[in-house]
């Protein structure tokens, strides 16, 4: 078990890493990326960054949380978003 001081240091480091990796996201988008327990539904208007959130979330789930890609289901409803996701992942 980590000491309280080490836990605080870890939390501060985690905040810095997240800020650096996801600094271009607004708070609601960041919430969508970091929500990892259970399913997540993203509802937002055109041009609001839904595909960006999905791409960042996929990377976070695989790279930071160690979830294998075959255990992740991502669904989008437009051909444009599908093409964009395929090109960016």
Protein backbone atom coordinates (compact mmCIF):
# COMPACT_ATOMS: atom_id res chain seq x y z
CA UNK A 1 0.00 0.00 0.00
CA UNK A 2 1.29 3.45 -0.87
CA UNK A 3 1.81 6.05 1.79
CA UNK A 4 -0.45 9.09 1.73
CA UNK A 5 2.43 11.21 0.40
CA UNK A 6 3.07 8.75 -2.46
CA UNK A 7 -0.65 8.66 -3.28
CA UNK A 8 -0.68 12.46 -3.52
CA UNK A 9 2.42 12.42 -5.71
CA UNK A 10 0.87 9.79 -7.96
CA UNK A 11 -2.38 11.78 -8.24
CA UNK A 12 -0.46 14.94 -9.16
CA UNK A 13 1.58 13.09 -11.77
CA UNK A 14 -1.57 11.51 -13.22
CA UNK A 15 -3.21 14.94 -13.51
CA UNK A 16 -0.15 16.31 -15.35
CA UNK A 17 -0.01 13.37 -17.76
CA UNK A 18 -3.74 13.61 -18.49
CA UNK A 19 -3.51 17.38 -18.98
CA UNK A 20 -0.64 16.91 -21.42
CA UNK A 21 -2.23 14.03 -23.35
CA UNK A 22 -5.75 15.46 -23.48
CA UNK A 23 -5.11 19.20 -23.15
CA UNK A 24 -7.04 19.95 -26.36
CA UNK A 25 -10.30 18.55 -24.91
CA UNK A 26 -12.87 20.54 -22.96
CA UNK A 27 -14.00 19.25 -19.53
CA UNK A 28 -17.05 17.36 -20.88
CA UNK A 29 -14.98 15.72 -23.62
CA UNK A 30 -12.34 14.73 -21.07
CA UNK A 31 -15.07 13.20 -18.91
CA UNK A 32 -16.12 11.09 -21.90
CA UNK A 33 -12.55 9.90 -22.47
CA UNK A 34 -11.87 9.00 -18.83
CA UNK A 35 -15.21 7.30 -18.11
CA UNK A 36 -14.23 3.64 -18.29
CA UNK A 37 -16.74 1.75 -16.18
CA UNK A 38 -19.64 0.44 -18.22
CA UNK A 39 -21.02 1.70 -21.51
CA UNK A 40 -20.89 5.33 -22.58
CA UNK A 41 -23.31 7.16 -24.87
CA UNK A 42 -22.08 10.38 -26.50
CA UNK A 43 -24.86 12.68 -27.65
CA UNK A 44 -23.90 16.06 -29.03
CA UNK A 45 -24.41 18.29 -32.02
CA UNK A 46 -22.49 18.33 -35.28
CA UNK A 47 -18.89 19.48 -34.97
CA UNK A 48 -18.80 19.15 -31.19
CA UNK A 49 -15.96 16.61 -31.10
CA UNK A 50 -17.76 13.29 -30.65
CA UNK A 51 -15.40 11.42 -32.98
CA UNK A 52 -12.40 13.04 -31.28
CA UNK A 53 -13.68 11.84 -27.90
CA UNK A 54 -14.21 8.31 -29.25
CA UNK A 55 -10.70 8.17 -30.71
CA UNK A 56 -9.10 9.47 -27.51
CA UNK A 57 -11.24 7.10 -25.42
CA UNK A 58 -10.21 4.09 -27.51
CA UNK A 59 -6.56 5.01 -27.03
CA UNK A 60 -7.04 5.55 -23.31
CA UNK A 61 -8.84 2.23 -22.86
CA UNK A 62 -6.20 0.29 -24.77
CA UNK A 63 -2.99 2.10 -23.81
CA UNK A 64 -3.70 3.29 -20.26
CA UNK A 65 -6.23 0.77 -19.00
CA UNK A 66 -4.80 -2.27 -20.83
CA UNK A 67 -8.10 -3.35 -22.38
CA UNK A 68 -7.60 -5.49 -25.50
CA UNK A 69 -9.15 -3.97 -28.66
CA UNK A 70 -11.28 -7.07 -29.23
CA UNK A 71 -13.07 -6.36 -25.93
CA UNK A 72 -14.18 -2.86 -27.04
CA UNK A 73 -17.29 -2.13 -29.11
CA UNK A 74 -17.54 1.29 -30.72
CA UNK A 75 -20.61 2.26 -32.73
CA UNK A 76 -21.18 5.36 -34.79
CA UNK A 77 -24.13 6.27 -36.97
CA UNK A 78 -22.58 8.07 -39.90
CA UNK A 79 -20.38 6.89 -42.73
CA UNK A 80 -18.24 10.02 -42.34
CA UNK A 81 -17.53 9.31 -38.66
CA UNK A 82 -16.76 5.67 -39.46
CA UNK A 83 -14.24 6.68 -42.12
CA UNK A 84 -12.74 9.30 -39.84
CA UNK A 85 -12.37 6.80 -36.99
CA UNK A 86 -10.86 4.16 -39.26
CA UNK A 87 -8.29 6.67 -40.55
CA UNK A 88 -7.39 7.99 -37.07
CA UNK A 89 -7.16 4.69 -35.16
